[in-house]
């Protein structure tokens, strides 16, 4: 890992109507638009869905790093994430982030340890630690 601070640059551009083009050096471009709830077409990634995706992605990558450092064997992890936008103090914002993690482990694995590692991933995820809304995590463990 490189020393802090880390910097991430994105360019966004758009016209009065249509999609917004998102670009970052060395990465594939993305198109986004407002979600249907805000009058958009509802058929593209939006800032809202990208934020919720970032939460789920960060959770999985954080779990992967923690499990590797802990030498914990596992098969697959999935994360369903839901963000709730509501008004607080007259401003729209994410008020809830709900994560549901499903982890597959080898037969005989320590389930309590698996749950602790998943909880640690939720608590140390960079993205959720950077947001106002506090996430809630539910966990499901199954065997390979």
C-alpha atoms as a PDB file:
ATOM      1  CA  UNK A   1       0.000   0.000   0.000  1.00  0.00           C
ATOM      2  CA  UNK A   2       1.198   3.488  -0.797  1.00  0.00           C
ATOM      3  CA  UNK A   3       1.575   6.105   1.944  1.00  0.00           C
ATOM      4  CA  UNK A   4      -1.282   8.553   2.597  1.00  0.00           C
ATOM      5  CA  UNK A   5      -2.727  10.806   1.318  1.00  0.00           C
ATOM      6  CA  UNK A   6      -4.195   9.002  -1.699  1.00  0.00           C
ATOM      7  CA  UNK A   7      -5.794  11.054  -4.480  1.00  0.00           C
ATOM      8  CA  UNK A   8      -8.478   9.979  -6.960  1.00  0.00           C
ATOM      9  CA  UNK A   9      -9.349  12.157  -9.942  1.00  0.00           C
ATOM     10  CA  UNK A  10     -12.505  11.941 -12.048  1.00  0.00           C
ATOM     11  CA  UNK A  11     -13.677  14.133 -14.927  1.00  0.00           C
ATOM     12  CA  UNK A  12     -17.378  14.573 -15.526  1.00  0.00           C
ATOM     13  CA  UNK A  13     -18.982  16.369 -18.444  1.00  0.00           C
ATOM     14  CA  UNK A  14     -22.486  16.841 -19.737  1.00  0.00           C
ATOM     15  CA  UNK A  15     -24.782  19.002 -21.851  1.00  0.00           C
ATOM     16  CA  UNK A  16     -28.127  20.559 -20.863  1.00  0.00           C
ATOM     17  CA  UNK A  17     -29.761  17.176 -21.562  1.00  0.00           C
ATOM     18  CA  UNK A  18     -28.618  13.560 -21.771  1.00  0.00           C
ATOM     19  CA  UNK A  19     -26.039  11.508 -19.970  1.00  0.00           C
ATOM     20  CA  UNK A  20     -23.060  12.657 -17.975  1.00  0.00           C
ATOM     21  CA  UNK A  21     -19.737  11.157 -19.101  1.00  0.00           C
ATOM     22  CA  UNK A  22     -17.494  10.017 -16.243  1.00  0.00           C
ATOM     23  CA  UNK A  23     -13.806   9.407 -16.902  1.00  0.00           C
ATOM     24  CA  UNK A  24     -10.715   8.612 -14.889  1.00  0.00           C
ATOM     25  CA  UNK A  25      -7.266   7.956 -16.270  1.00  0.00           C
ATOM     26  CA  UNK A  26      -6.729   4.311 -17.171  1.00  0.00           C
ATOM     27  CA  UNK A  27     -10.335   3.271 -16.509  1.00  0.00           C
ATOM     28  CA  UNK A  28     -13.287   2.566 -18.792  1.00  0.00           C
ATOM     29  CA  UNK A  29     -15.671   5.502 -19.167  1.00  0.00           C
ATOM     30  CA  UNK A  30     -19.130   5.381 -17.590  1.00  0.00           C
ATOM     31  CA  UNK A  31     -22.344   7.173 -18.443  1.00  0.00           C
ATOM     32  CA  UNK A  32     -24.701   8.337 -15.751  1.00  0.00           C
ATOM     33  CA  UNK A  33     -28.014  10.124 -15.512  1.00  0.00           C
ATOM     34  CA  UNK A  34     -30.451  11.138 -12.832  1.00  0.00           C
ATOM     35  CA  UNK A  35     -32.479   8.232 -11.465  1.00  0.00           C
ATOM     36  CA  UNK A  36     -36.181   7.952 -12.252  1.00  0.00           C
ATOM     37  CA  UNK A  37     -36.979   9.277  -8.763  1.00  0.00           C
ATOM     38  CA  UNK A  38     -35.366  12.606  -9.739  1.00  0.00           C
ATOM     39  CA  UNK A  39     -36.884  12.786 -13.232  1.00  0.00           C
ATOM     40  CA  UNK A  40     -34.176  10.857 -15.055  1.00  0.00           C
ATOM     41  CA  UNK A  41     -34.630   7.956 -17.461  1.00  0.00           C
ATOM     42  CA  UNK A  42     -33.909   5.299 -14.831  1.00  0.00           C
ATOM     43  CA  UNK A  43     -31.933   3.146 -17.259  1.00  0.00           C
ATOM     44  CA  UNK A  44     -28.374   4.224 -16.389  1.00  0.00           C
ATOM     45  CA  UNK A  45     -26.129   4.337 -13.381  1.00  0.00           C
ATOM     46  CA  UNK A  46     -26.867   7.437 -11.325  1.00  0.00           C
ATOM     47  CA  UNK A  47     -24.848   9.185  -8.615  1.00  0.00           C
ATOM     48  CA  UNK A  48     -27.148   7.477  -6.098  1.00  0.00           C
ATOM     49  CA  UNK A  49     -26.667   3.960  -7.468  1.00  0.00           C
ATOM     50  CA  UNK A  50     -22.932   4.577  -7.894  1.00  0.00           C
ATOM     51  CA  UNK A  51     -22.658   5.590  -4.226  1.00  0.00           C
ATOM     52  CA  UNK A  52     -24.519   2.488  -3.043  1.00  0.00           C
ATOM     53  CA  UNK A  53     -22.383   0.360  -5.391  1.00  0.00           C
ATOM     54  CA  UNK A  54     -19.258   1.961  -3.913  1.00  0.00           C
ATOM     55  CA  UNK A  55     -20.435   0.944  -0.431  1.00  0.00           C
ATOM     56  CA  UNK A  56     -20.980  -2.700  -1.464  1.00  0.00           C
ATOM     57  CA  UNK A  57     -17.732  -2.827  -3.441  1.00  0.00           C
ATOM     58  CA  UNK A  58     -15.705  -1.306  -0.611  1.00  0.00           C
ATOM     59  CA  UNK A  59     -17.237  -3.718   1.888  1.00  0.00           C
ATOM     60  CA  UNK A  60     -16.206  -6.743  -0.208  1.00  0.00           C
ATOM     61  CA  UNK A  61     -12.689  -5.436  -0.891  1.00  0.00           C
ATOM     62  CA  UNK A  62     -12.239  -4.586   2.803  1.00  0.00           C
ATOM     63  CA  UNK A  63     -13.434  -8.054   3.829  1.00  0.00           C
ATOM     64  CA  UNK A  64     -11.058  -9.627   1.313  1.00  0.00           C
ATOM     65  CA  UNK A  65      -8.104  -7.719   2.792  1.00  0.00           C
ATOM     66  CA  UNK A  66      -9.094  -8.513   6.391  1.00  0.00           C
ATOM     67  CA  UNK A  67      -9.695 -12.220   5.653  1.00  0.00           C
ATOM     68  CA  UNK A  68      -6.354 -12.464   3.857  1.00  0.00           C
ATOM     69  CA  UNK A  69      -4.503 -10.778   6.722  1.00  0.00           C
ATOM     70  CA  UNK A  70      -6.311 -13.073   9.169  1.00  0.00           C
ATOM     71  CA  UNK A  71      -5.555 -16.187   7.085  1.00  0.00           C
ATOM     72  CA  UNK A  72      -9.269 -17.000   7.032  1.00  0.00           C
ATOM     73  CA  UNK A  73     -10.387 -19.402   4.276  1.00  0.00           C
ATOM     74  CA  UNK A  74     -13.630 -18.604   2.458  1.00  0.00           C
ATOM     75  CA  UNK A  75     -15.206 -19.287  -0.908  1.00  0.00           C
ATOM     76  CA  UNK A  76     -17.399 -16.355  -1.927  1.00  0.00           C
ATOM     77  CA  UNK A  77     -18.891 -13.223  -0.447  1.00  0.00           C
ATOM     78  CA  UNK A  78     -21.835 -11.281  -1.821  1.00  0.00           C
ATOM     79  CA  UNK A  79     -23.207  -7.999  -0.570  1.00  0.00           C
ATOM     80  CA  UNK A  80     -26.660  -6.618  -1.260  1.00  0.00           C
ATOM     81  CA  UNK A  81     -26.733  -2.935  -0.454  1.00  0.00           C
ATOM     82  CA  UNK A  82     -29.660  -0.561  -0.206  1.00  0.00           C
ATOM     83  CA  UNK A  83     -29.433   3.164   0.330  1.00  0.00           C
ATOM     84  CA  UNK A  84     -32.387   5.222   1.510  1.00  0.00           C
ATOM     85  CA  UNK A  85     -32.594   8.888   0.505  1.00  0.00           C
ATOM     86  CA  UNK A  86     -34.842  11.148   2.562  1.00  0.00           C
ATOM     87  CA  UNK A  87     -34.924  14.776   3.649  1.00  0.00           C
ATOM     88  CA  UNK A  88     -33.064  15.878   6.751  1.00  0.00           C
ATOM     89  CA  UNK A  89     -33.066  19.540   7.701  1.00  0.00           C
ATOM     90  CA  UNK A  90     -34.724  20.288   4.353  1.00  0.00           C
ATOM     91  CA  UNK A  91     -31.945  18.643   2.314  1.00  0.00           C
ATOM     92  CA  UNK A  92     -32.027  15.298   0.510  1.00  0.00           C
ATOM     93  CA  UNK A  93     -29.388  12.900   1.782  1.00  0.00           C
ATOM     94  CA  UNK A  94     -28.731   9.227   2.368  1.00  0.00           C
ATOM     95  CA  UNK A  95     -30.288   8.510   5.742  1.00  0.00           C
ATOM     96  CA  UNK A  96     -29.816   4.732   5.795  1.00  0.00           C
ATOM     97  CA  UNK A  97     -27.432   2.205   4.292  1.00  0.00           C
ATOM     98  CA  UNK A  98     -28.424  -1.418   4.683  1.00  0.00           C
ATOM     99  CA  UNK A  99     -25.906  -4.135   3.869  1.00  0.00           C
ATOM    100  CA  UNK A 100     -26.655  -7.840   3.725  1.00  0.00           C
ATOM    101  CA  UNK A 101     -23.568 -10.009   3.374  1.00  0.00           C
ATOM    102  CA  UNK A 102     -23.687 -13.666   2.382  1.00  0.00           C
ATOM    103  CA  UNK A 103     -20.448 -15.535   2.963  1.00  0.00           C
ATOM    104  CA  UNK A 104     -19.660 -19.085   1.886  1.00  0.00           C
ATOM    105  CA  UNK A 105     -17.043 -20.880   3.981  1.00  0.00           C
ATOM    106  CA  UNK A 106     -15.526 -24.386   3.968  1.00  0.00           C
ATOM    107  CA  UNK A 107     -17.184 -27.077   6.082  1.00  0.00           C
ATOM    108  CA  UNK A 108     -15.972 -26.811   9.679  1.00  0.00           C
ATOM    109  CA  UNK A 109     -15.031 -23.123   9.448  1.00  0.00           C
ATOM    110  CA  UNK A 110     -15.396 -20.998  12.568  1.00  0.00           C
ATOM    111  CA  UNK A 111     -18.696 -19.192  11.918  1.00  0.00           C
ATOM    112  CA  UNK A 112     -18.276 -16.789  14.842  1.00  0.00           C
ATOM    113  CA  UNK A 113     -14.886 -15.724  13.489  1.00  0.00           C
ATOM    114  CA  UNK A 114     -16.376 -15.271  10.017  1.00  0.00           C
ATOM    115  CA  UNK A 115     -19.081 -13.002  11.467  1.00  0.00           C
ATOM    116  CA  UNK A 116     -16.467 -10.972  13.390  1.00  0.00           C
ATOM    117  CA  UNK A 117     -14.414 -10.484  10.209  1.00  0.00           C
ATOM    118  CA  UNK A 118     -17.509  -9.366   8.273  1.00  0.00           C
ATOM    119  CA  UNK A 119     -18.391  -6.922  11.059  1.00  0.00           C
ATOM    120  CA  UNK A 120     -14.817  -5.616  11.063  1.00  0.00           C
ATOM    121  CA  UNK A 121     -15.057  -5.060   7.302  1.00  0.00           C
ATOM    122  CA  UNK A 122     -18.246  -3.048   7.781  1.00  0.00           C
ATOM    123  CA  UNK A 123     -16.663  -0.978  10.553  1.00  0.00           C
ATOM    124  CA  UNK A 124     -13.453  -0.216   8.662  1.00  0.00           C
ATOM    125  CA  UNK A 125     -14.809   0.350   5.135  1.00  0.00           C
ATOM    126  CA  UNK A 126     -13.398   3.638   3.836  1.00  0.00           C
ATOM    127  CA  UNK A 127     -16.540   4.577   1.909  1.00  0.00           C
ATOM    128  CA  UNK A 128     -19.050   4.071   4.730  1.00  0.00           C
ATOM    129  CA  UNK A 129     -16.709   5.782   7.185  1.00  0.00           C
ATOM    130  CA  UNK A 130     -16.799   8.813   4.877  1.00  0.00           C
ATOM    131  CA  UNK A 131     -20.606   9.141   4.847  1.00  0.00           C
ATOM    132  CA  UNK A 132     -23.133  10.646   7.275  1.00  0.00           C
ATOM    133  CA  UNK A 133     -25.446   7.619   7.170  1.00  0.00           C
ATOM    134  CA  UNK A 134     -24.370   4.799   9.465  1.00  0.00           C
ATOM    135  CA  UNK A 135     -24.671   1.391   7.806  1.00  0.00           C
ATOM    136  CA  UNK A 136     -26.428  -1.605   9.303  1.00  0.00           C
ATOM    137  CA  UNK A 137     -25.131  -5.063   8.490  1.00  0.00           C
ATOM    138  CA  UNK A 138     -26.868  -8.434   8.488  1.00  0.00           C
ATOM    139  CA  UNK A 139     -24.853 -11.563   7.868  1.00  0.00           C
ATOM    140  CA  UNK A 140     -25.580 -15.000   6.427  1.00  0.00           C
ATOM    141  CA  UNK A 141     -22.980 -17.770   6.463  1.00  0.00           C
ATOM    142  CA  UNK A 142     -23.244 -20.949   4.406  1.00  0.00           C
ATOM    143  CA  UNK A 143     -20.918 -23.846   3.726  1.00  0.00           C
ATOM    144  CA  UNK A 144     -19.254 -24.756   0.441  1.00  0.00           C
END
